[in-house]
Structures are given as C-alpha cells and as structure tokens.
N, C-alpha and C. Protein backbone atom coordinates (compact mmCIF):
# COMPACT_ATOMS: atom_id res chain seq x y z
N UNK A 1 31.44 66.32 -109.48
CA UNK A 1 31.05 65.73 -108.21
C UNK A 1 32.23 64.94 -107.65
N UNK A 2 32.41 65.05 -106.34
CA UNK A 2 33.50 64.33 -105.68
C UNK A 2 33.06 62.92 -105.35
N UNK A 3 34.02 62.12 -104.90
CA UNK A 3 33.72 60.75 -104.50
C UNK A 3 32.90 60.70 -103.22
N UNK A 4 32.83 61.80 -102.51
CA UNK A 4 32.08 61.80 -101.25
C UNK A 4 30.82 62.64 -101.33
N UNK A 5 30.44 63.07 -102.51
CA UNK A 5 29.17 63.76 -102.67
C UNK A 5 29.33 65.16 -103.20
N UNK A 6 28.22 65.73 -103.67
CA UNK A 6 28.25 67.09 -104.22
C UNK A 6 28.38 68.13 -103.11
N UNK A 7 28.90 69.27 -103.47
CA UNK A 7 29.02 70.37 -102.54
C UNK A 7 28.32 71.56 -103.16
N UNK A 8 27.63 72.33 -102.34
CA UNK A 8 26.91 73.48 -102.85
C UNK A 8 27.61 74.75 -102.40
N UNK A 9 27.38 75.81 -103.14
CA UNK A 9 27.96 77.11 -102.80
C UNK A 9 26.86 78.05 -102.33
N UNK A 10 27.19 78.91 -101.39
CA UNK A 10 26.28 79.97 -100.99
C UNK A 10 26.26 81.02 -102.10
N UNK A 11 25.36 81.98 -101.99
CA UNK A 11 25.24 83.00 -103.02
C UNK A 11 26.51 83.83 -103.17
N UNK A 12 27.32 83.91 -102.12
CA UNK A 12 28.57 84.67 -102.21
C UNK A 12 29.71 83.83 -102.77
N UNK A 13 29.43 82.58 -103.14
CA UNK A 13 30.46 81.73 -103.74
C UNK A 13 31.22 80.89 -102.74
N UNK A 14 31.00 81.10 -101.43
CA UNK A 14 31.72 80.31 -100.44
C UNK A 14 31.11 78.91 -100.36
N UNK A 15 31.92 77.95 -100.03
CA UNK A 15 31.45 76.58 -99.91
C UNK A 15 30.87 76.40 -98.51
N UNK A 16 29.58 76.10 -98.42
CA UNK A 16 28.92 76.00 -97.14
C UNK A 16 28.84 74.57 -96.63
N UNK A 17 28.79 73.61 -97.52
CA UNK A 17 28.58 72.23 -97.16
C UNK A 17 29.88 71.51 -96.85
N UNK A 18 29.77 70.50 -96.03
CA UNK A 18 30.87 69.57 -95.86
C UNK A 18 30.28 68.20 -95.64
N UNK A 19 31.08 67.18 -95.90
CA UNK A 19 30.65 65.80 -95.73
C UNK A 19 31.57 65.13 -94.72
N UNK A 20 31.00 64.25 -93.90
CA UNK A 20 31.76 63.53 -92.90
C UNK A 20 31.72 62.05 -93.27
N UNK A 21 32.87 61.42 -93.17
CA UNK A 21 32.91 59.97 -93.34
C UNK A 21 34.07 59.40 -92.54
N UNK A 22 33.96 58.10 -92.28
CA UNK A 22 35.03 57.41 -91.56
C UNK A 22 36.32 57.48 -92.38
N UNK A 23 37.44 57.56 -91.68
CA UNK A 23 38.74 57.59 -92.33
C UNK A 23 38.97 56.24 -93.01
N UNK A 24 39.33 56.28 -94.27
CA UNK A 24 39.67 55.07 -95.01
C UNK A 24 41.12 54.70 -94.73
N UNK A 25 41.46 53.45 -94.98
CA UNK A 25 42.81 52.95 -94.67
C UNK A 25 43.94 53.81 -95.19
N UNK A 26 43.80 54.30 -96.43
CA UNK A 26 44.88 55.09 -97.02
C UNK A 26 44.80 56.57 -96.63
N UNK A 27 43.86 56.94 -95.77
CA UNK A 27 43.72 58.35 -95.36
C UNK A 27 44.29 58.64 -93.98
N UNK A 28 44.82 57.63 -93.31
CA UNK A 28 45.38 57.89 -91.98
C UNK A 28 46.60 58.80 -92.05
N UNK A 29 47.28 58.82 -93.20
CA UNK A 29 48.39 59.77 -93.34
C UNK A 29 47.87 61.21 -93.37
N UNK A 30 46.66 61.42 -93.88
CA UNK A 30 46.05 62.75 -93.85
C UNK A 30 45.76 63.14 -92.40
N UNK A 31 45.21 62.21 -91.64
CA UNK A 31 44.95 62.48 -90.21
C UNK A 31 46.27 62.82 -89.51
N UNK A 32 47.34 62.08 -89.84
CA UNK A 32 48.65 62.34 -89.20
C UNK A 32 49.13 63.77 -89.50
N UNK A 33 48.93 64.25 -90.71
CA UNK A 33 49.30 65.63 -91.04
C UNK A 33 48.44 66.62 -90.26
N UNK A 34 47.13 66.38 -90.24
CA UNK A 34 46.25 67.28 -89.51
C UNK A 34 46.52 67.22 -88.00
N UNK A 35 46.97 66.05 -87.51
CA UNK A 35 47.34 65.91 -86.10
C UNK A 35 48.44 66.90 -85.74
N UNK A 36 49.34 67.16 -86.67
CA UNK A 36 50.41 68.13 -86.41
C UNK A 36 49.83 69.53 -86.18
N UNK A 37 48.82 69.89 -86.96
CA UNK A 37 48.16 71.19 -86.76
C UNK A 37 47.44 71.21 -85.41
N UNK A 38 46.79 70.11 -85.07
CA UNK A 38 46.11 69.97 -83.78
C UNK A 38 47.09 70.15 -82.63
N UNK A 39 48.21 69.45 -82.68
CA UNK A 39 49.21 69.56 -81.61
C UNK A 39 49.84 70.95 -81.57
N UNK A 40 49.99 71.58 -82.73
CA UNK A 40 50.50 72.95 -82.77
C UNK A 40 49.53 73.89 -82.06
N UNK A 41 48.24 73.73 -82.30
CA UNK A 41 47.24 74.54 -81.61
C UNK A 41 47.31 74.34 -80.10
N UNK A 42 47.53 73.09 -79.66
CA UNK A 42 47.59 72.79 -78.23
C UNK A 42 48.90 73.21 -77.58
N UNK A 43 49.92 73.44 -78.37
CA UNK A 43 51.25 73.72 -77.83
C UNK A 43 51.25 74.86 -76.82
N UNK A 44 50.48 75.92 -77.07
CA UNK A 44 50.45 77.05 -76.14
C UNK A 44 49.74 76.69 -74.84
N UNK A 45 48.84 75.71 -74.88
CA UNK A 45 48.10 75.30 -73.69
C UNK A 45 48.92 74.31 -72.86
N UNK A 46 49.61 73.40 -73.53
CA UNK A 46 50.34 72.33 -72.82
C UNK A 46 51.85 72.57 -72.78
N UNK A 47 52.28 73.76 -73.24
CA UNK A 47 53.70 74.09 -73.26
C UNK A 47 54.49 73.05 -74.06
N UNK A 48 53.95 72.69 -75.23
CA UNK A 48 54.54 71.65 -76.07
C UNK A 48 55.49 72.20 -77.12
N UNK A 49 56.48 71.41 -77.43
CA UNK A 49 57.44 71.74 -78.48
C UNK A 49 57.57 70.55 -79.43
N UNK A 50 57.91 70.82 -80.68
CA UNK A 50 58.18 69.71 -81.60
C UNK A 50 59.40 68.93 -81.12
N UNK A 51 59.46 67.66 -81.53
CA UNK A 51 60.62 66.82 -81.23
C UNK A 51 61.73 67.09 -82.23
N UNK A 52 62.83 66.37 -82.12
CA UNK A 52 64.03 66.62 -82.92
C UNK A 52 63.76 66.56 -84.43
N UNK A 53 62.79 65.75 -84.85
CA UNK A 53 62.49 65.64 -86.28
C UNK A 53 61.56 66.75 -86.77
N UNK A 54 61.20 67.70 -85.89
CA UNK A 54 60.35 68.82 -86.26
C UNK A 54 58.87 68.56 -86.11
N UNK A 55 58.50 67.36 -85.68
CA UNK A 55 57.09 67.02 -85.54
C UNK A 55 56.69 66.94 -84.06
N UNK A 56 55.41 67.19 -83.85
CA UNK A 56 54.85 67.02 -82.51
C UNK A 56 54.56 65.55 -82.26
N UNK A 57 54.37 65.21 -81.02
CA UNK A 57 54.04 63.85 -80.59
C UNK A 57 52.81 63.35 -81.34
N UNK A 58 52.88 62.12 -81.83
CA UNK A 58 51.73 61.53 -82.52
C UNK A 58 51.55 60.06 -82.17
N UNK A 59 52.17 59.60 -81.09
CA UNK A 59 52.12 58.18 -80.71
C UNK A 59 50.70 57.69 -80.50
N UNK A 60 49.80 58.57 -80.05
CA UNK A 60 48.42 58.15 -79.80
C UNK A 60 47.72 57.68 -81.07
N UNK A 61 48.18 58.11 -82.23
CA UNK A 61 47.54 57.70 -83.48
C UNK A 61 47.85 56.26 -83.86
N UNK A 62 48.85 55.65 -83.24
CA UNK A 62 49.24 54.29 -83.61
C UNK A 62 48.16 53.26 -83.35
N UNK A 63 47.23 53.54 -82.46
CA UNK A 63 46.16 52.59 -82.16
C UNK A 63 45.01 52.63 -83.16
N UNK A 64 45.08 53.54 -84.12
CA UNK A 64 44.01 53.69 -85.11
C UNK A 64 44.43 53.09 -86.44
N UNK A 65 43.51 52.55 -87.19
CA UNK A 65 42.18 52.14 -86.77
C UNK A 65 42.24 50.80 -86.05
N UNK A 66 41.19 50.51 -85.33
CA UNK A 66 41.05 49.20 -84.68
C UNK A 66 39.56 48.96 -84.46
N UNK A 67 39.22 47.81 -83.98
CA UNK A 67 37.81 47.52 -83.72
C UNK A 67 37.27 48.40 -82.59
N UNK A 68 38.17 48.95 -81.77
CA UNK A 68 37.77 49.77 -80.63
C UNK A 68 37.96 51.27 -80.89
N UNK A 69 38.52 51.63 -82.04
CA UNK A 69 38.85 53.03 -82.30
C UNK A 69 38.63 53.37 -83.78
N UNK A 70 38.13 54.57 -84.02
CA UNK A 70 37.85 55.00 -85.39
C UNK A 70 38.19 56.47 -85.56
N UNK A 71 38.26 56.88 -86.78
CA UNK A 71 38.50 58.29 -87.08
C UNK A 71 37.50 58.78 -88.11
N UNK A 72 37.29 60.08 -88.12
CA UNK A 72 36.37 60.72 -89.05
C UNK A 72 37.03 61.96 -89.62
N UNK A 73 36.78 62.20 -90.88
CA UNK A 73 37.25 63.42 -91.54
C UNK A 73 36.04 64.17 -92.10
N UNK A 74 36.09 65.48 -92.00
CA UNK A 74 35.11 66.34 -92.65
C UNK A 74 35.77 66.88 -93.91
N UNK A 75 35.07 66.80 -95.01
CA UNK A 75 35.59 67.18 -96.32
C UNK A 75 34.71 68.24 -96.96
N UNK A 76 35.33 69.13 -97.71
CA UNK A 76 34.59 70.04 -98.57
C UNK A 76 35.52 70.53 -99.66
N UNK A 77 34.94 71.15 -100.65
CA UNK A 77 35.73 71.66 -101.75
C UNK A 77 36.63 72.80 -101.25
N UNK A 78 37.89 72.75 -101.65
CA UNK A 78 38.82 73.82 -101.28
C UNK A 78 38.39 75.10 -102.00
N UNK A 79 38.34 76.23 -101.32
CA UNK A 79 37.82 77.46 -101.94
C UNK A 79 38.66 77.98 -103.11
N UNK A 80 39.92 77.62 -103.17
CA UNK A 80 40.78 78.12 -104.27
C UNK A 80 40.86 77.14 -105.44
N UNK A 81 40.81 75.84 -105.14
CA UNK A 81 41.02 74.84 -106.21
C UNK A 81 39.76 74.06 -106.57
N UNK A 82 38.79 74.02 -105.67
CA UNK A 82 37.61 73.22 -105.90
C UNK A 82 37.82 71.74 -105.60
N UNK A 83 39.06 71.35 -105.37
CA UNK A 83 39.37 69.95 -105.06
C UNK A 83 38.88 69.64 -103.64
N UNK A 84 38.27 68.48 -103.48
CA UNK A 84 37.78 68.09 -102.16
C UNK A 84 38.97 67.91 -101.23
N UNK A 85 38.89 68.57 -100.06
CA UNK A 85 40.00 68.58 -99.11
C UNK A 85 39.47 68.46 -97.68
N UNK A 86 40.28 67.93 -96.77
CA UNK A 86 39.83 67.80 -95.38
C UNK A 86 39.87 69.15 -94.67
N UNK A 87 38.89 69.36 -93.78
CA UNK A 87 38.90 70.58 -92.99
C UNK A 87 38.77 70.30 -91.50
N UNK A 88 38.59 69.01 -91.12
CA UNK A 88 38.49 68.66 -89.71
C UNK A 88 38.69 67.16 -89.54
N UNK A 89 39.12 66.78 -88.34
CA UNK A 89 39.19 65.36 -88.01
C UNK A 89 38.74 65.14 -86.58
N UNK A 90 38.30 63.93 -86.31
CA UNK A 90 37.99 63.48 -84.96
C UNK A 90 38.46 62.04 -84.85
N UNK A 91 39.05 61.70 -83.71
CA UNK A 91 39.39 60.30 -83.43
C UNK A 91 38.65 59.91 -82.16
N UNK A 92 38.07 58.71 -82.22
CA UNK A 92 37.18 58.20 -81.19
C UNK A 92 37.69 56.85 -80.74
N UNK A 93 37.62 56.58 -79.45
CA UNK A 93 37.92 55.23 -78.98
C UNK A 93 36.87 54.80 -77.97
N UNK A 94 36.95 53.54 -77.59
CA UNK A 94 35.97 52.97 -76.66
C UNK A 94 34.76 52.39 -77.37
N UNK A 95 34.89 52.10 -78.66
CA UNK A 95 33.75 51.59 -79.41
C UNK A 95 33.28 50.24 -78.91
N UNK A 96 34.17 49.47 -78.31
CA UNK A 96 33.81 48.15 -77.78
C UNK A 96 33.57 48.17 -76.27
N UNK A 97 33.77 49.31 -75.65
CA UNK A 97 33.64 49.41 -74.20
C UNK A 97 32.30 49.99 -73.78
N UNK A 98 32.25 50.35 -72.50
CA UNK A 98 31.03 50.91 -71.93
C UNK A 98 30.84 52.39 -72.26
N UNK A 99 31.94 53.07 -72.66
CA UNK A 99 31.89 54.51 -72.87
C UNK A 99 32.76 54.89 -74.05
N UNK A 100 32.22 55.70 -74.94
CA UNK A 100 32.97 56.24 -76.07
C UNK A 100 33.72 57.49 -75.61
N UNK A 101 34.81 57.82 -76.32
CA UNK A 101 35.61 58.98 -75.94
C UNK A 101 36.17 59.68 -77.18
N UNK A 102 36.04 61.00 -77.19
CA UNK A 102 36.70 61.81 -78.22
C UNK A 102 38.16 61.94 -77.79
N UNK A 103 39.07 61.37 -78.56
CA UNK A 103 40.49 61.39 -78.20
C UNK A 103 41.26 62.51 -78.88
N UNK A 104 40.73 63.02 -79.94
CA UNK A 104 41.34 64.14 -80.64
C UNK A 104 40.30 64.77 -81.54
N UNK A 105 40.29 66.09 -81.60
CA UNK A 105 39.29 66.80 -82.40
C UNK A 105 39.93 68.09 -82.86
N UNK A 106 39.89 68.34 -84.17
CA UNK A 106 40.51 69.55 -84.71
C UNK A 106 39.71 70.02 -85.90
N UNK A 107 39.56 71.34 -86.01
CA UNK A 107 38.90 71.99 -87.13
C UNK A 107 39.82 73.09 -87.63
N UNK A 108 39.95 73.20 -88.94
CA UNK A 108 40.81 74.23 -89.53
C UNK A 108 40.40 75.61 -89.01
N UNK A 109 41.37 76.42 -88.61
CA UNK A 109 41.04 77.74 -88.05
C UNK A 109 40.17 78.60 -88.96
N UNK A 110 40.34 78.50 -90.26
CA UNK A 110 39.59 79.35 -91.19
C UNK A 110 38.09 79.11 -91.15
N UNK A 111 37.64 77.95 -90.63
CA UNK A 111 36.21 77.65 -90.61
C UNK A 111 35.65 77.52 -89.19
N UNK A 112 36.41 77.89 -88.20
CA UNK A 112 35.98 77.70 -86.81
C UNK A 112 34.82 78.59 -86.41
N UNK A 113 34.63 79.70 -87.00
CA UNK A 113 33.53 80.59 -86.62
C UNK A 113 32.31 80.43 -87.53
N UNK A 114 32.29 79.37 -88.34
CA UNK A 114 31.18 79.12 -89.26
C UNK A 114 30.19 78.09 -88.72
N UNK A 115 30.46 77.53 -87.55
CA UNK A 115 29.61 76.46 -87.03
C UNK A 115 30.03 75.08 -87.49
N UNK A 116 31.11 75.03 -88.26
CA UNK A 116 31.59 73.75 -88.79
C UNK A 116 31.96 72.78 -87.67
N UNK A 117 32.70 73.26 -86.68
CA UNK A 117 33.12 72.40 -85.59
C UNK A 117 31.96 71.82 -84.82
N UNK A 118 30.99 72.64 -84.53
CA UNK A 118 29.81 72.18 -83.79
C UNK A 118 29.07 71.13 -84.59
N UNK A 119 28.80 71.40 -85.85
CA UNK A 119 28.09 70.44 -86.70
C UNK A 119 28.88 69.15 -86.85
N UNK A 120 30.20 69.27 -87.00
CA UNK A 120 31.05 68.09 -87.13
C UNK A 120 31.02 67.27 -85.84
N UNK A 121 31.16 67.92 -84.69
CA UNK A 121 31.14 67.22 -83.41
C UNK A 121 29.81 66.50 -83.21
N UNK A 122 28.71 67.16 -83.50
CA UNK A 122 27.40 66.53 -83.35
C UNK A 122 27.24 65.34 -84.29
N UNK A 123 27.78 65.45 -85.49
CA UNK A 123 27.73 64.33 -86.44
C UNK A 123 28.50 63.13 -85.88
N UNK A 124 29.71 63.37 -85.42
CA UNK A 124 30.54 62.27 -84.90
C UNK A 124 29.87 61.63 -83.68
N UNK A 125 29.39 62.43 -82.76
CA UNK A 125 28.73 61.90 -81.56
C UNK A 125 27.49 61.07 -81.92
N UNK A 126 26.80 61.46 -82.97
CA UNK A 126 25.57 60.75 -83.36
C UNK A 126 25.85 59.39 -84.01
N UNK A 127 27.08 59.14 -84.39
CA UNK A 127 27.42 57.89 -85.08
C UNK A 127 27.58 56.70 -84.13
N UNK A 128 27.70 56.96 -82.83
CA UNK A 128 27.89 55.89 -81.85
C UNK A 128 27.04 56.20 -80.63
N UNK A 129 26.35 55.17 -80.12
CA UNK A 129 25.58 55.36 -78.89
C UNK A 129 26.50 55.70 -77.75
N UNK A 130 26.01 56.49 -76.83
CA UNK A 130 26.78 56.85 -75.65
C UNK A 130 26.75 55.76 -74.62
N UNK A 131 27.22 56.05 -73.46
CA UNK A 131 27.64 57.37 -73.00
C UNK A 131 29.00 57.78 -73.56
N UNK A 132 29.25 59.09 -73.48
CA UNK A 132 30.46 59.70 -74.04
C UNK A 132 31.29 60.38 -72.95
N UNK A 133 32.61 60.43 -73.21
CA UNK A 133 33.54 61.23 -72.44
C UNK A 133 34.27 62.15 -73.41
N UNK A 134 34.34 63.41 -73.06
CA UNK A 134 35.08 64.38 -73.86
C UNK A 134 36.08 65.04 -72.91
N UNK A 135 37.35 64.91 -73.22
CA UNK A 135 38.41 65.42 -72.36
C UNK A 135 39.18 66.51 -73.09
N UNK A 136 39.50 67.56 -72.36
CA UNK A 136 40.33 68.63 -72.92
C UNK A 136 41.09 69.31 -71.78
N UNK A 137 42.06 70.10 -72.14
CA UNK A 137 42.89 70.78 -71.15
C UNK A 137 42.08 71.89 -70.48
N UNK A 138 42.18 71.91 -69.17
CA UNK A 138 41.42 72.87 -68.37
C UNK A 138 41.68 74.32 -68.80
N UNK A 139 42.90 74.62 -69.17
CA UNK A 139 43.25 75.99 -69.54
C UNK A 139 42.83 76.37 -70.96
N UNK A 140 42.24 75.45 -71.69
CA UNK A 140 41.79 75.72 -73.04
C UNK A 140 40.37 76.28 -72.98
N UNK A 141 40.27 77.59 -72.78
CA UNK A 141 38.99 78.26 -72.55
C UNK A 141 38.06 78.10 -73.75
N UNK A 142 38.61 78.18 -74.96
CA UNK A 142 37.78 78.01 -76.15
C UNK A 142 37.16 76.63 -76.22
N UNK A 143 37.95 75.60 -75.85
CA UNK A 143 37.43 74.23 -75.85
C UNK A 143 36.33 74.07 -74.80
N UNK A 144 36.51 74.68 -73.66
CA UNK A 144 35.49 74.61 -72.60
C UNK A 144 34.16 75.14 -73.10
N UNK A 145 34.18 76.31 -73.69
CA UNK A 145 32.97 76.94 -74.22
C UNK A 145 32.36 76.08 -75.33
N UNK A 146 33.23 75.62 -76.26
CA UNK A 146 32.77 74.81 -77.39
C UNK A 146 32.12 73.52 -76.92
N UNK A 147 32.82 72.74 -76.08
CA UNK A 147 32.30 71.42 -75.69
C UNK A 147 31.09 71.52 -74.77
N UNK A 148 30.97 72.57 -73.97
CA UNK A 148 29.74 72.75 -73.19
C UNK A 148 28.54 72.95 -74.11
N UNK A 149 28.73 73.75 -75.14
CA UNK A 149 27.67 74.00 -76.12
C UNK A 149 27.30 72.71 -76.84
N UNK A 150 28.29 71.96 -77.27
CA UNK A 150 28.04 70.70 -77.96
C UNK A 150 27.33 69.71 -77.03
N UNK A 151 27.80 69.60 -75.79
CA UNK A 151 27.19 68.67 -74.83
C UNK A 151 25.71 69.00 -74.61
N UNK A 152 25.41 70.27 -74.48
CA UNK A 152 24.02 70.68 -74.29
C UNK A 152 23.17 70.26 -75.48
N UNK A 153 23.69 70.45 -76.69
CA UNK A 153 22.94 70.07 -77.90
C UNK A 153 22.86 68.56 -78.08
N UNK A 154 23.95 67.87 -77.84
CA UNK A 154 24.00 66.43 -78.09
C UNK A 154 23.31 65.61 -77.02
N UNK A 155 23.49 65.99 -75.75
CA UNK A 155 23.03 65.16 -74.65
C UNK A 155 21.78 65.72 -73.96
N UNK A 156 21.61 67.03 -74.00
CA UNK A 156 20.45 67.67 -73.40
C UNK A 156 20.72 68.19 -71.99
N UNK A 157 19.91 69.13 -71.59
CA UNK A 157 20.01 69.74 -70.27
C UNK A 157 19.88 68.67 -69.19
N UNK A 158 20.83 68.69 -68.26
CA UNK A 158 20.80 67.75 -67.15
C UNK A 158 21.24 66.34 -67.51
N UNK A 159 21.70 66.13 -68.72
CA UNK A 159 22.09 64.80 -69.18
C UNK A 159 23.60 64.66 -69.34
N UNK A 160 24.35 65.60 -68.77
CA UNK A 160 25.80 65.54 -68.79
C UNK A 160 26.35 66.26 -67.58
N UNK A 161 27.59 65.93 -67.23
CA UNK A 161 28.24 66.56 -66.09
C UNK A 161 29.66 66.92 -66.46
N UNK A 162 30.28 67.70 -65.59
CA UNK A 162 31.68 68.10 -65.78
C UNK A 162 32.47 67.76 -64.53
N UNK A 163 33.74 67.44 -64.74
CA UNK A 163 34.64 67.26 -63.61
C UNK A 163 36.07 67.51 -64.05
N UNK A 164 36.91 67.77 -63.08
CA UNK A 164 38.34 67.92 -63.33
C UNK A 164 39.05 66.73 -62.72
N UNK A 165 40.08 66.26 -63.44
CA UNK A 165 40.89 65.14 -62.94
C UNK A 165 42.36 65.46 -63.16
N UNK A 166 43.15 65.09 -62.20
CA UNK A 166 44.60 65.29 -62.32
C UNK A 166 45.12 64.54 -63.55
N UNK A 167 46.12 65.12 -64.20
CA UNK A 167 46.76 64.46 -65.34
C UNK A 167 47.71 63.42 -64.79
N UNK A 168 47.52 62.14 -65.12
CA UNK A 168 48.38 61.09 -64.57
C UNK A 168 49.86 61.35 -64.83
N UNK A 169 50.65 61.30 -63.77
CA UNK A 169 52.10 61.46 -63.89
C UNK A 169 52.58 62.89 -64.06
N UNK A 170 51.67 63.87 -64.07
CA UNK A 170 52.06 65.27 -64.27
C UNK A 170 51.42 66.14 -63.19
N UNK A 171 51.95 66.08 -62.01
CA UNK A 171 51.36 66.82 -60.88
C UNK A 171 51.55 68.33 -60.98
N UNK A 172 52.45 68.79 -61.85
CA UNK A 172 52.74 70.22 -61.95
C UNK A 172 51.92 70.94 -63.02
N UNK A 173 50.94 70.26 -63.62
CA UNK A 173 50.11 70.89 -64.65
C UNK A 173 48.67 70.96 -64.18
N UNK A 174 47.89 71.89 -64.73
CA UNK A 174 46.48 71.97 -64.35
C UNK A 174 45.76 70.65 -64.69
N UNK A 175 44.68 70.37 -64.00
CA UNK A 175 43.94 69.13 -64.27
C UNK A 175 43.29 69.17 -65.65
N UNK A 176 42.97 67.98 -66.17
CA UNK A 176 42.20 67.90 -67.40
C UNK A 176 40.73 68.12 -67.06
N UNK A 177 39.99 68.58 -68.02
CA UNK A 177 38.56 68.83 -67.86
C UNK A 177 37.80 67.74 -68.59
N UNK A 178 36.81 67.14 -67.94
CA UNK A 178 36.02 66.05 -68.50
C UNK A 178 34.56 66.47 -68.61
N UNK A 179 33.96 66.20 -69.75
CA UNK A 179 32.51 66.28 -69.91
C UNK A 179 32.03 64.85 -70.09
N UNK A 180 31.07 64.45 -69.28
CA UNK A 180 30.58 63.07 -69.28
C UNK A 180 29.09 63.07 -69.53
N UNK A 181 28.67 62.37 -70.58
CA UNK A 181 27.22 62.23 -70.80
C UNK A 181 26.71 61.14 -69.86
N UNK A 182 25.46 61.24 -69.51
CA UNK A 182 24.86 60.28 -68.58
C UNK A 182 24.27 59.10 -69.33
C-alpha cells in the first residue's frame, strides 16, 4: 500500500484507480517537472520554444503555494514498476478572492482517453466553492471540447458561459477562451 492509499487493478492488469491530493511542500519540484511537459504540449498552440537552459517558461509557478493558490497531483501506481507516480497536476489560484481559477492543468498523454482528466478536473473543482474561471488558448481545440464537457458536468446546463478575451500585451495572437461558472 502506498502512502496515499491502495490502488486496484482491472481484470486486464491495468491500474484503473488514481488518488488526488494537495501538493506537499517537497512535491513542488515534481509539479515543476510536469510543468515542462505541460508547456511542451502547449508549444504548438502558442508557438513556444524552450529558453537557453532548455526549459520552458515556469515563472507562474513561483507564486505556489500560498494562501491564495494551491496545487493538486493525481497519483497512481506506475504500470511497469508499481511505484506510486504522478499522472496529472492542476494549479489553482483565487482561493481568497471572489473567483477561483484553474491556472494550469495537465494529464499524461498515455491516460488522456481513459477519463482520467475529466475525473481529475471534477475532483479539483469540487474541492473549492465557485464561482470558477477556466482559461485556455482559443486554438486548443482539444481543450475547448474537454473543458466544455467538464463545465457541463461540474456546473450544470445554463450555469456557465463562454467568452473570448484578448491576450494582454499580445495583439498578434488569437484571444484566450474563458469558461465562467455562474
């Protein structure tokens, strides 16, 4: 048994369960590594390149943790080693304000078609009362489909809206897409 709970296997031997918990102080370095995968995924959408040290931008992580911002990791047993390993992260801010916001969300590509991302997103959203803001790049078609589905499940029909907003200081890029719970 892991420190975060038991994991069960499906009849085919695949690990079906995962556990979500707040990022512990010594786990922010894990989030920083996963952030690199997240930024790599976004690179094709935002035309991003690594900086001179080979890493993508991660300055936004410096505000975590704080009383206004938290992170969550989804964990499950690694299919090859059995060792508990992270498979997703979410960073949230606005915990002390009027509106919570998903500031970063990433799920390992190998589990994206298993419903893991949806279940993880719903878990994170359920940990804090709304209202919520979820922002993503307009050109990220997969994110649009994903977050609309999550919004419908989390907030309910007619309880959320969408809008586009210009990216501050970047007039030459498509607007960001916002999902806002009511």
